[in-house]
Amino acid sequence: MKARVTVTLKTGVLDPQGKAIEGALKSLGIEGVGSVRQGKVFDIELAGSDKAAAEAALKTACEKLLANTVIENYRVEIGA
């Protein structure tokens, strides 16, 4: 089974990398860019077929390793 974990900064947390990307896009002439926030995506392959167990395991992984829950949010999506 495949899963995707998306980690993003919480609203209100400064994002200097996002600001740098925003500036670079504007300097490249990309029109209409209001703001940019950057994050991380983890594509994870899991053994087994129990979606509930996989989601629970990934939430634990996020809490302990993949996300700094003080400043970041995470979203777990389980695929086929």
N, C-alpha and C. Protein backbone atom coordinates (compact mmCIF):
# COMPACT_ATOMS: atom_id res chain seq x y z
N MET A 1 0.85 -1.17 0.00
CA MET A 1 0.00 0.00 0.00
C MET A 1 0.90 1.23 0.00
N LYS A 2 0.43 2.28 -0.64
CA LYS A 2 1.19 3.52 -0.72
C LYS A 2 0.54 4.60 0.12
N ALA A 3 1.38 5.46 0.66
CA ALA A 3 0.88 6.58 1.46
C ALA A 3 1.68 7.82 1.14
N ARG A 4 1.05 8.95 1.37
CA ARG A 4 1.73 10.24 1.21
C ARG A 4 1.52 11.04 2.49
N VAL A 5 2.62 11.53 3.02
CA VAL A 5 2.58 12.40 4.20
C VAL A 5 3.04 13.78 3.74
N THR A 6 2.21 14.78 3.98
CA THR A 6 2.54 16.16 3.62
C THR A 6 2.72 16.96 4.90
N VAL A 7 3.86 17.63 5.02
CA VAL A 7 4.18 18.42 6.21
C VAL A 7 4.32 19.87 5.78
N THR A 8 3.59 20.76 6.45
CA THR A 8 3.64 22.19 6.13
C THR A 8 3.78 22.99 7.42
N LEU A 9 4.31 24.19 7.28
CA LEU A 9 4.41 25.07 8.43
C LEU A 9 3.03 25.54 8.86
N LYS A 10 2.84 25.69 10.14
CA LYS A 10 1.58 26.20 10.66
C LYS A 10 1.42 27.66 10.25
N THR A 11 0.17 28.09 10.14
CA THR A 11 -0.12 29.49 9.84
C THR A 11 0.49 30.36 10.92
N GLY A 12 1.13 31.44 10.51
CA GLY A 12 1.75 32.35 11.46
C GLY A 12 3.23 32.10 11.69
N VAL A 13 3.72 30.92 11.28
CA VAL A 13 5.15 30.63 11.41
C VAL A 13 5.86 31.22 10.20
N LEU A 14 6.92 31.98 10.44
CA LEU A 14 7.66 32.59 9.35
C LEU A 14 8.27 31.52 8.45
N ASP A 15 8.27 31.79 7.14
CA ASP A 15 8.76 30.84 6.15
C ASP A 15 9.76 31.54 5.23
N PRO A 16 11.02 31.68 5.68
CA PRO A 16 12.01 32.40 4.86
C PRO A 16 12.28 31.71 3.52
N GLN A 17 12.24 30.39 3.48
CA GLN A 17 12.46 29.70 2.22
C GLN A 17 11.31 29.98 1.25
N GLY A 18 10.10 29.99 1.75
CA GLY A 18 8.95 30.33 0.92
C GLY A 18 9.06 31.75 0.38
N LYS A 19 9.52 32.67 1.22
CA LYS A 19 9.71 34.07 0.78
C LYS A 19 10.77 34.15 -0.31
N ALA A 20 11.85 33.38 -0.18
CA ALA A 20 12.91 33.38 -1.19
C ALA A 20 12.37 32.83 -2.52
N ILE A 21 11.58 31.77 -2.46
CA ILE A 21 10.98 31.20 -3.66
C ILE A 21 10.02 32.20 -4.29
N GLU A 22 9.24 32.86 -3.47
CA GLU A 22 8.31 33.89 -3.96
C GLU A 22 9.06 34.97 -4.73
N GLY A 23 10.16 35.46 -4.13
CA GLY A 23 10.96 36.49 -4.79
C GLY A 23 11.56 36.00 -6.09
N ALA A 24 12.03 34.75 -6.11
CA ALA A 24 12.64 34.18 -7.32
C ALA A 24 11.59 34.03 -8.42
N LEU A 25 10.39 33.59 -8.07
CA LEU A 25 9.33 33.46 -9.08
C LEU A 25 9.00 34.81 -9.69
N LYS A 26 8.90 35.83 -8.83
CA LYS A 26 8.60 37.17 -9.33
C LYS A 26 9.72 37.69 -10.22
N SER A 27 10.98 37.41 -9.85
CA SER A 27 12.11 37.89 -10.66
C SER A 27 12.18 37.15 -12.00
N LEU A 28 11.59 35.96 -12.07
CA LEU A 28 11.52 35.22 -13.33
C LEU A 28 10.35 35.68 -14.20
N GLY A 29 9.57 36.63 -13.69
CA GLY A 29 8.45 37.15 -14.46
C GLY A 29 7.18 36.33 -14.35
N ILE A 30 7.10 35.45 -13.37
CA ILE A 30 5.89 34.67 -13.15
C ILE A 30 4.84 35.61 -12.55
N GLU A 31 3.75 35.81 -13.26
CA GLU A 31 2.72 36.78 -12.84
C GLU A 31 1.74 36.16 -11.84
N GLY A 32 1.21 36.99 -10.97
CA GLY A 32 0.12 36.59 -10.09
C GLY A 32 0.52 35.85 -8.84
N VAL A 33 1.80 35.79 -8.52
CA VAL A 33 2.23 35.08 -7.30
C VAL A 33 1.96 35.99 -6.11
N GLY A 34 1.07 35.55 -5.21
CA GLY A 34 0.76 36.33 -4.02
C GLY A 34 1.70 36.00 -2.88
N SER A 35 1.82 34.72 -2.57
CA SER A 35 2.74 34.28 -1.53
C SER A 35 3.04 32.81 -1.75
N VAL A 36 4.15 32.36 -1.18
CA VAL A 36 4.57 30.96 -1.31
C VAL A 36 4.90 30.44 0.08
N ARG A 37 4.41 29.24 0.39
CA ARG A 37 4.77 28.52 1.62
C ARG A 37 5.34 27.19 1.17
N GLN A 38 6.47 26.81 1.70
CA GLN A 38 7.08 25.54 1.32
C GLN A 38 6.80 24.47 2.36
N GLY A 39 6.95 23.23 1.96
CA GLY A 39 6.73 22.11 2.87
C GLY A 39 7.52 20.89 2.42
N LYS A 40 7.16 19.75 2.96
CA LYS A 40 7.83 18.49 2.64
C LYS A 40 6.78 17.45 2.29
N VAL A 41 7.12 16.56 1.35
CA VAL A 41 6.24 15.46 0.99
C VAL A 41 7.03 14.16 1.10
N PHE A 42 6.45 13.18 1.78
CA PHE A 42 7.06 11.86 1.92
C PHE A 42 6.13 10.84 1.25
N ASP A 43 6.62 10.15 0.23
CA ASP A 43 5.89 9.03 -0.38
C ASP A 43 6.44 7.76 0.24
N ILE A 44 5.55 7.02 0.89
CA ILE A 44 5.98 5.86 1.68
C ILE A 44 5.22 4.63 1.22
N GLU A 45 5.94 3.53 0.98
CA GLU A 45 5.31 2.25 0.66
C GLU A 45 5.28 1.40 1.91
N LEU A 46 4.11 0.82 2.19
CA LEU A 46 3.91 0.03 3.40
C LEU A 46 3.49 -1.38 3.06
N ALA A 47 3.95 -2.34 3.85
CA ALA A 47 3.50 -3.73 3.71
C ALA A 47 2.15 -3.87 4.39
N GLY A 48 1.35 -4.79 3.92
CA GLY A 48 0.05 -5.05 4.53
C GLY A 48 -1.07 -4.31 3.84
N SER A 49 -2.29 -4.54 4.33
CA SER A 49 -3.46 -3.94 3.69
C SER A 49 -4.41 -3.28 4.69
N ASP A 50 -4.01 -3.21 5.95
CA ASP A 50 -4.86 -2.60 6.98
C ASP A 50 -4.64 -1.08 6.99
N LYS A 51 -5.58 -0.36 6.37
CA LYS A 51 -5.43 1.09 6.25
C LYS A 51 -5.43 1.80 7.60
N ALA A 52 -6.25 1.34 8.52
CA ALA A 52 -6.32 1.97 9.84
C ALA A 52 -4.99 1.82 10.58
N ALA A 53 -4.40 0.62 10.52
CA ALA A 53 -3.12 0.39 11.18
C ALA A 53 -2.01 1.22 10.52
N ALA A 54 -2.05 1.31 9.19
CA ALA A 54 -1.05 2.09 8.47
C ALA A 54 -1.16 3.57 8.83
N GLU A 55 -2.38 4.07 8.89
CA GLU A 55 -2.58 5.48 9.25
C GLU A 55 -2.09 5.75 10.67
N ALA A 56 -2.39 4.86 11.58
CA ALA A 56 -1.94 5.02 12.97
C ALA A 56 -0.41 5.01 13.05
N ALA A 57 0.22 4.09 12.31
CA ALA A 57 1.69 4.01 12.32
C ALA A 57 2.31 5.28 11.74
N LEU A 58 1.72 5.80 10.66
CA LEU A 58 2.26 7.01 10.04
C LEU A 58 2.04 8.24 10.91
N LYS A 59 0.94 8.30 11.61
CA LYS A 59 0.73 9.41 12.54
C LYS A 59 1.78 9.38 13.65
N THR A 60 2.09 8.20 14.12
CA THR A 60 3.15 8.06 15.13
C THR A 60 4.48 8.51 14.54
N ALA A 61 4.77 8.11 13.30
CA ALA A 61 6.01 8.52 12.65
C ALA A 61 6.08 10.04 12.50
N CYS A 62 4.96 10.66 12.19
CA CYS A 62 4.92 12.12 12.07
C CYS A 62 5.20 12.78 13.41
N GLU A 63 4.55 12.29 14.44
CA GLU A 63 4.69 12.87 15.77
C GLU A 63 6.13 12.73 16.31
N LYS A 64 6.80 11.62 15.94
CA LYS A 64 8.12 11.34 16.50
C LYS A 64 9.28 11.75 15.60
N LEU A 65 9.05 11.84 14.27
CA LEU A 65 10.18 12.06 13.37
C LEU A 65 9.91 13.01 12.21
N LEU A 66 8.85 12.79 11.48
CA LEU A 66 8.68 13.49 10.20
C LEU A 66 8.27 14.95 10.33
N ALA A 67 7.60 15.31 11.42
CA ALA A 67 7.13 16.69 11.59
C ALA A 67 7.52 17.21 12.96
N ASN A 68 7.83 18.50 13.00
CA ASN A 68 8.02 19.19 14.28
C ASN A 68 6.66 19.79 14.61
N THR A 69 5.89 19.10 15.43
CA THR A 69 4.49 19.47 15.64
C THR A 69 4.31 20.80 16.37
N VAL A 70 5.39 21.37 16.87
CA VAL A 70 5.30 22.70 17.48
C VAL A 70 5.05 23.74 16.40
N ILE A 71 5.71 23.57 15.25
CA ILE A 71 5.59 24.58 14.18
C ILE A 71 5.04 24.03 12.87
N GLU A 72 4.79 22.71 12.80
CA GLU A 72 4.34 22.12 11.54
C GLU A 72 3.06 21.32 11.72
N ASN A 73 2.25 21.32 10.66
CA ASN A 73 1.08 20.45 10.55
C ASN A 73 1.44 19.30 9.61
N TYR A 74 0.73 18.20 9.72
CA TYR A 74 0.94 17.11 8.77
C TYR A 74 -0.40 16.53 8.36
N ARG A 75 -0.38 15.92 7.15
CA ARG A 75 -1.58 15.25 6.62
C ARG A 75 -1.14 13.89 6.08
N VAL A 76 -1.87 12.85 6.45
CA VAL A 76 -1.58 11.49 6.01
C VAL A 76 -2.66 11.06 5.03
N GLU A 77 -2.24 10.60 3.83
CA GLU A 77 -3.17 10.09 2.83
C GLU A 77 -2.75 8.67 2.49
N ILE A 78 -3.69 7.74 2.62
CA ILE A 78 -3.41 6.34 2.33
C ILE A 78 -4.02 6.01 0.97
N GLY A 79 -3.19 5.44 0.08
CA GLY A 79 -3.66 5.05 -1.24
C GLY A 79 -3.91 3.56 -1.29
N ALA A 80 -3.81 3.01 -2.49
CA ALA A 80 -4.07 1.57 -2.68
C ALA A 80 -2.87 0.74 -2.34
